């Protein structure tokens, strides 16, 4: 049985809290990216300090690590990196 995981990630000079829920629903995992501050401060992928994203669990499983996947995902969500139309997953 998979368990939720919470960790911090340095991204663009900011600390971002990441909450990961595997198999949120069939075939998909859920990532929440939030500001660790109260009240929430903007983060690179969201002016509200919160960003949610569902990812195909086979893509997450093929990543070198959960942290590496989250970092690449933040790069995409922040517009720092664009998706290559020939590439189906992040790695």
N, C-alpha and C. Protein backbone atom coordinates (compact mmCIF):
# COMPACT_ATOMS: atom_id res chain seq x y z
N UNK A 1 0.84 -1.18 0.00
CA UNK A 1 0.00 0.00 0.00
C UNK A 1 0.89 1.25 0.00
N UNK A 2 0.62 2.17 -0.89
CA UNK A 2 1.40 3.40 -1.00
C UNK A 2 0.90 4.42 0.01
N UNK A 3 1.81 5.24 0.48
CA UNK A 3 1.49 6.25 1.48
C UNK A 3 1.76 7.64 0.92
N UNK A 4 1.03 8.63 1.45
CA UNK A 4 1.29 10.02 1.11
C UNK A 4 2.70 10.39 1.55
N UNK A 5 3.31 11.32 0.81
CA UNK A 5 4.65 11.78 1.12
C UNK A 5 4.63 13.30 1.08
N UNK A 6 5.27 13.93 2.06
CA UNK A 6 5.43 15.38 2.07
C UNK A 6 6.91 15.69 2.20
N UNK A 7 7.38 16.63 1.37
CA UNK A 7 8.78 17.03 1.42
C UNK A 7 8.91 18.47 0.95
N UNK A 8 10.05 19.07 1.22
CA UNK A 8 10.33 20.43 0.76
C UNK A 8 11.26 20.36 -0.43
N UNK A 9 11.11 21.33 -1.30
CA UNK A 9 11.90 21.39 -2.53
C UNK A 9 12.36 22.83 -2.72
N UNK A 10 13.63 23.02 -3.03
CA UNK A 10 14.13 24.35 -3.38
C UNK A 10 13.91 24.53 -4.87
N UNK A 11 13.23 25.62 -5.23
CA UNK A 11 12.93 25.89 -6.63
C UNK A 11 12.99 27.39 -6.87
N UNK A 12 13.84 27.80 -7.79
CA UNK A 12 13.98 29.22 -8.11
C UNK A 12 14.25 30.06 -6.85
N UNK A 13 15.06 29.51 -5.95
CA UNK A 13 15.44 30.24 -4.75
C UNK A 13 14.39 30.25 -3.65
N UNK A 14 13.31 29.51 -3.83
CA UNK A 14 12.25 29.46 -2.83
C UNK A 14 12.04 28.04 -2.32
N UNK A 15 11.66 27.94 -1.07
CA UNK A 15 11.26 26.66 -0.53
C UNK A 15 9.80 26.44 -0.86
N UNK A 16 9.49 25.27 -1.40
CA UNK A 16 8.11 24.91 -1.74
C UNK A 16 7.81 23.59 -1.07
N UNK A 17 6.66 23.53 -0.42
CA UNK A 17 6.21 22.28 0.18
C UNK A 17 5.50 21.45 -0.88
N UNK A 18 5.81 20.18 -0.92
CA UNK A 18 5.21 19.26 -1.90
C UNK A 18 4.50 18.15 -1.13
N UNK A 19 3.24 17.96 -1.43
CA UNK A 19 2.50 16.84 -0.86
C UNK A 19 2.11 15.93 -2.02
N UNK A 20 2.52 14.68 -1.93
CA UNK A 20 2.31 13.72 -3.00
C UNK A 20 1.37 12.62 -2.51
N UNK A 21 0.33 12.35 -3.29
CA UNK A 21 -0.60 11.28 -2.98
C UNK A 21 -0.61 10.29 -4.14
N UNK A 22 0.01 9.12 -3.95
CA UNK A 22 0.01 8.12 -5.02
C UNK A 22 -1.39 7.53 -5.20
N UNK A 23 -1.68 7.17 -6.45
CA UNK A 23 -2.95 6.51 -6.78
C UNK A 23 -4.15 7.26 -6.19
N UNK A 24 -4.14 8.60 -6.41
CA UNK A 24 -5.25 9.45 -5.93
C UNK A 24 -6.57 8.95 -6.50
N UNK A 25 -6.53 8.64 -7.77
CA UNK A 25 -7.58 7.85 -8.40
C UNK A 25 -6.94 7.00 -9.46
N UNK A 26 -7.65 6.05 -9.97
CA UNK A 26 -7.08 4.99 -10.81
C UNK A 26 -6.16 5.53 -11.91
N UNK A 27 -4.88 5.18 -11.79
CA UNK A 27 -3.90 5.54 -12.80
C UNK A 27 -3.26 6.90 -12.63
N UNK A 28 -3.69 7.67 -11.64
CA UNK A 28 -3.17 9.03 -11.47
C UNK A 28 -2.76 9.32 -10.04
N UNK A 29 -1.64 10.00 -9.92
CA UNK A 29 -1.12 10.48 -8.64
C UNK A 29 -1.40 11.97 -8.55
N UNK A 30 -1.39 12.51 -7.34
CA UNK A 30 -1.69 13.92 -7.14
C UNK A 30 -0.54 14.63 -6.45
N UNK A 31 -0.18 15.79 -6.97
CA UNK A 31 0.84 16.64 -6.38
C UNK A 31 0.20 17.96 -5.95
N UNK A 32 0.52 18.41 -4.74
CA UNK A 32 0.15 19.74 -4.28
C UNK A 32 1.43 20.49 -3.99
N UNK A 33 1.57 21.66 -4.58
CA UNK A 33 2.72 22.53 -4.35
C UNK A 33 2.20 23.74 -3.59
N UNK A 34 2.78 24.01 -2.41
CA UNK A 34 2.29 25.12 -1.61
C UNK A 34 3.43 25.91 -1.01
N UNK A 35 3.11 27.14 -0.70
CA UNK A 35 4.02 27.99 0.06
C UNK A 35 4.05 27.47 1.50
N UNK A 36 5.24 27.40 2.10
CA UNK A 36 5.31 26.92 3.48
C UNK A 36 4.95 28.00 4.50
N UNK A 37 4.62 29.20 4.05
CA UNK A 37 4.37 30.32 4.94
C UNK A 37 2.88 30.52 5.20
N UNK A 38 2.59 31.14 6.34
CA UNK A 38 1.22 31.55 6.66
C UNK A 38 1.25 33.05 6.92
N UNK A 39 0.50 33.86 6.21
CA UNK A 39 -0.34 33.46 5.08
C UNK A 39 0.52 33.02 3.89
N UNK A 40 -0.10 32.30 2.98
CA UNK A 40 0.60 31.78 1.79
C UNK A 40 1.19 32.93 0.99
N UNK A 41 2.39 32.70 0.47
CA UNK A 41 3.05 33.65 -0.42
C UNK A 41 3.04 33.06 -1.83
N UNK A 42 3.14 33.91 -2.84
CA UNK A 42 3.22 33.38 -4.21
C UNK A 42 4.40 32.42 -4.36
N UNK A 43 4.22 31.42 -5.20
CA UNK A 43 5.29 30.51 -5.59
C UNK A 43 5.43 30.61 -7.11
N UNK A 44 6.54 30.16 -7.68
CA UNK A 44 6.74 30.34 -9.12
C UNK A 44 5.60 29.82 -10.01
N UNK A 45 4.89 28.80 -9.59
CA UNK A 45 3.83 28.25 -10.44
C UNK A 45 2.43 28.77 -10.07
N UNK A 46 2.34 29.66 -9.06
CA UNK A 46 1.01 30.14 -8.64
C UNK A 46 1.11 31.41 -7.80
N UNK A 47 0.33 32.40 -8.17
CA UNK A 47 0.31 33.64 -7.38
C UNK A 47 -0.43 33.47 -6.06
N UNK A 48 -1.20 32.38 -5.92
CA UNK A 48 -1.95 32.15 -4.68
C UNK A 48 -1.16 31.35 -3.65
N UNK A 49 -0.02 30.78 -4.05
CA UNK A 49 0.76 29.96 -3.14
C UNK A 49 0.31 28.52 -3.09
N UNK A 50 -0.55 28.13 -4.03
CA UNK A 50 -1.04 26.74 -4.10
C UNK A 50 -1.19 26.33 -5.56
N UNK A 51 -0.71 25.14 -5.88
CA UNK A 51 -0.87 24.58 -7.22
C UNK A 51 -1.08 23.09 -7.10
N UNK A 52 -2.05 22.58 -7.82
CA UNK A 52 -2.40 21.17 -7.80
C UNK A 52 -2.19 20.59 -9.19
N UNK A 53 -1.75 19.34 -9.24
CA UNK A 53 -1.54 18.70 -10.54
C UNK A 53 -1.69 17.19 -10.41
N UNK A 54 -2.38 16.59 -11.38
CA UNK A 54 -2.49 15.13 -11.46
C UNK A 54 -1.50 14.64 -12.51
N UNK A 55 -0.83 13.54 -12.20
CA UNK A 55 0.17 12.97 -13.10
C UNK A 55 -0.08 11.48 -13.25
N UNK A 56 0.11 10.98 -14.46
CA UNK A 56 -0.03 9.54 -14.70
C UNK A 56 0.99 8.81 -13.83
N UNK A 57 0.52 7.84 -13.07
CA UNK A 57 1.44 7.21 -12.12
C UNK A 57 2.58 6.44 -12.80
N UNK A 58 2.40 5.99 -14.04
CA UNK A 58 3.53 5.33 -14.72
C UNK A 58 4.64 6.33 -15.05
N UNK A 59 4.29 7.60 -15.26
CA UNK A 59 5.31 8.62 -15.50
C UNK A 59 6.09 8.90 -14.22
N UNK A 60 5.38 9.01 -13.11
CA UNK A 60 6.05 9.25 -11.83
C UNK A 60 6.97 8.08 -11.49
N UNK A 61 6.49 6.87 -11.71
CA UNK A 61 7.28 5.67 -11.39
C UNK A 61 8.55 5.57 -12.25
N UNK A 62 8.53 6.14 -13.45
CA UNK A 62 9.70 6.05 -14.33
C UNK A 62 10.74 7.14 -14.05
N UNK A 63 10.42 8.08 -13.18
CA UNK A 63 11.36 9.16 -12.85
C UNK A 63 12.49 8.65 -11.96
N UNK A 64 13.64 9.32 -12.01
CA UNK A 64 14.76 8.91 -11.16
C UNK A 64 14.41 8.96 -9.66
N UNK A 65 13.57 9.92 -9.28
CA UNK A 65 13.12 10.03 -7.89
C UNK A 65 11.84 10.87 -7.88
N UNK A 66 11.13 10.80 -6.80
CA UNK A 66 9.93 11.61 -6.63
C UNK A 66 10.28 13.10 -6.63
N UNK A 67 11.38 13.44 -5.99
CA UNK A 67 11.82 14.83 -5.94
C UNK A 67 12.19 15.34 -7.33
N UNK A 68 12.87 14.50 -8.13
CA UNK A 68 13.24 14.90 -9.49
C UNK A 68 12.00 15.13 -10.33
N UNK A 69 11.00 14.26 -10.20
CA UNK A 69 9.76 14.43 -10.94
C UNK A 69 9.08 15.74 -10.54
N UNK A 70 8.98 15.99 -9.24
CA UNK A 70 8.33 17.21 -8.76
C UNK A 70 9.04 18.45 -9.27
N UNK A 71 10.38 18.42 -9.29
CA UNK A 71 11.15 19.56 -9.79
C UNK A 71 10.87 19.80 -11.27
N UNK A 72 10.91 18.75 -12.07
CA UNK A 72 10.62 18.88 -13.50
C UNK A 72 9.19 19.37 -13.73
N UNK A 73 8.27 18.86 -12.94
CA UNK A 73 6.88 19.28 -13.05
C UNK A 73 6.73 20.77 -12.74
N UNK A 74 7.41 21.23 -11.71
CA UNK A 74 7.37 22.67 -11.39
C UNK A 74 7.95 23.50 -12.52
N UNK A 75 8.99 23.00 -13.17
CA UNK A 75 9.56 23.73 -14.31
C UNK A 75 8.52 23.88 -15.43
N UNK A 76 7.77 22.82 -15.67
CA UNK A 76 6.71 22.89 -16.69
C UNK A 76 5.58 23.82 -16.27
N UNK A 77 5.11 23.66 -15.03
CA UNK A 77 3.99 24.46 -14.55
C UNK A 77 4.33 25.93 -14.44
N UNK A 78 5.61 26.24 -14.23
CA UNK A 78 6.06 27.63 -14.11
C UNK A 78 6.39 28.25 -15.45
N UNK A 79 6.38 27.45 -16.52
CA UNK A 79 6.70 27.96 -17.84
C UNK A 79 8.18 28.08 -18.11
N UNK A 80 9.00 27.54 -17.24
CA UNK A 80 10.45 27.59 -17.44
C UNK A 80 10.86 26.60 -18.53
N UNK A 81 10.17 25.51 -18.59
CA UNK A 81 10.43 24.49 -19.61
C UNK A 81 9.11 24.18 -20.30
N UNK A 82 9.16 24.01 -21.61
CA UNK A 82 7.95 23.67 -22.35
C UNK A 82 7.93 22.17 -22.64
N UNK A 83 6.76 21.67 -22.93
CA UNK A 83 6.61 20.26 -23.24
C UNK A 83 6.96 20.02 -24.69
N UNK A 84 7.83 19.06 -24.93
CA UNK A 84 8.16 18.63 -26.28
C UNK A 84 7.01 17.76 -26.76
N UNK A 85 6.38 18.14 -27.86
CA UNK A 85 5.21 17.40 -28.34
C UNK A 85 5.53 15.95 -28.69
N UNK A 86 6.79 15.61 -28.91
CA UNK A 86 7.18 14.24 -29.21
C UNK A 86 7.48 13.43 -27.94
N UNK A 87 7.47 14.12 -26.80
CA UNK A 87 7.83 13.46 -25.55
C UNK A 87 6.56 13.28 -24.73
N UNK A 88 6.23 12.05 -24.40
CA UNK A 88 4.99 11.78 -23.68
C UNK A 88 5.12 11.96 -22.19
N UNK A 89 6.31 11.77 -21.63
CA UNK A 89 6.46 11.97 -20.20
C UNK A 89 7.60 12.93 -19.93
N UNK A 90 7.86 13.19 -18.67
CA UNK A 90 8.86 14.18 -18.32
C UNK A 90 10.28 13.69 -18.43
N UNK A 91 10.50 12.38 -18.48
CA UNK A 91 11.85 11.85 -18.50
C UNK A 91 12.08 10.96 -19.69
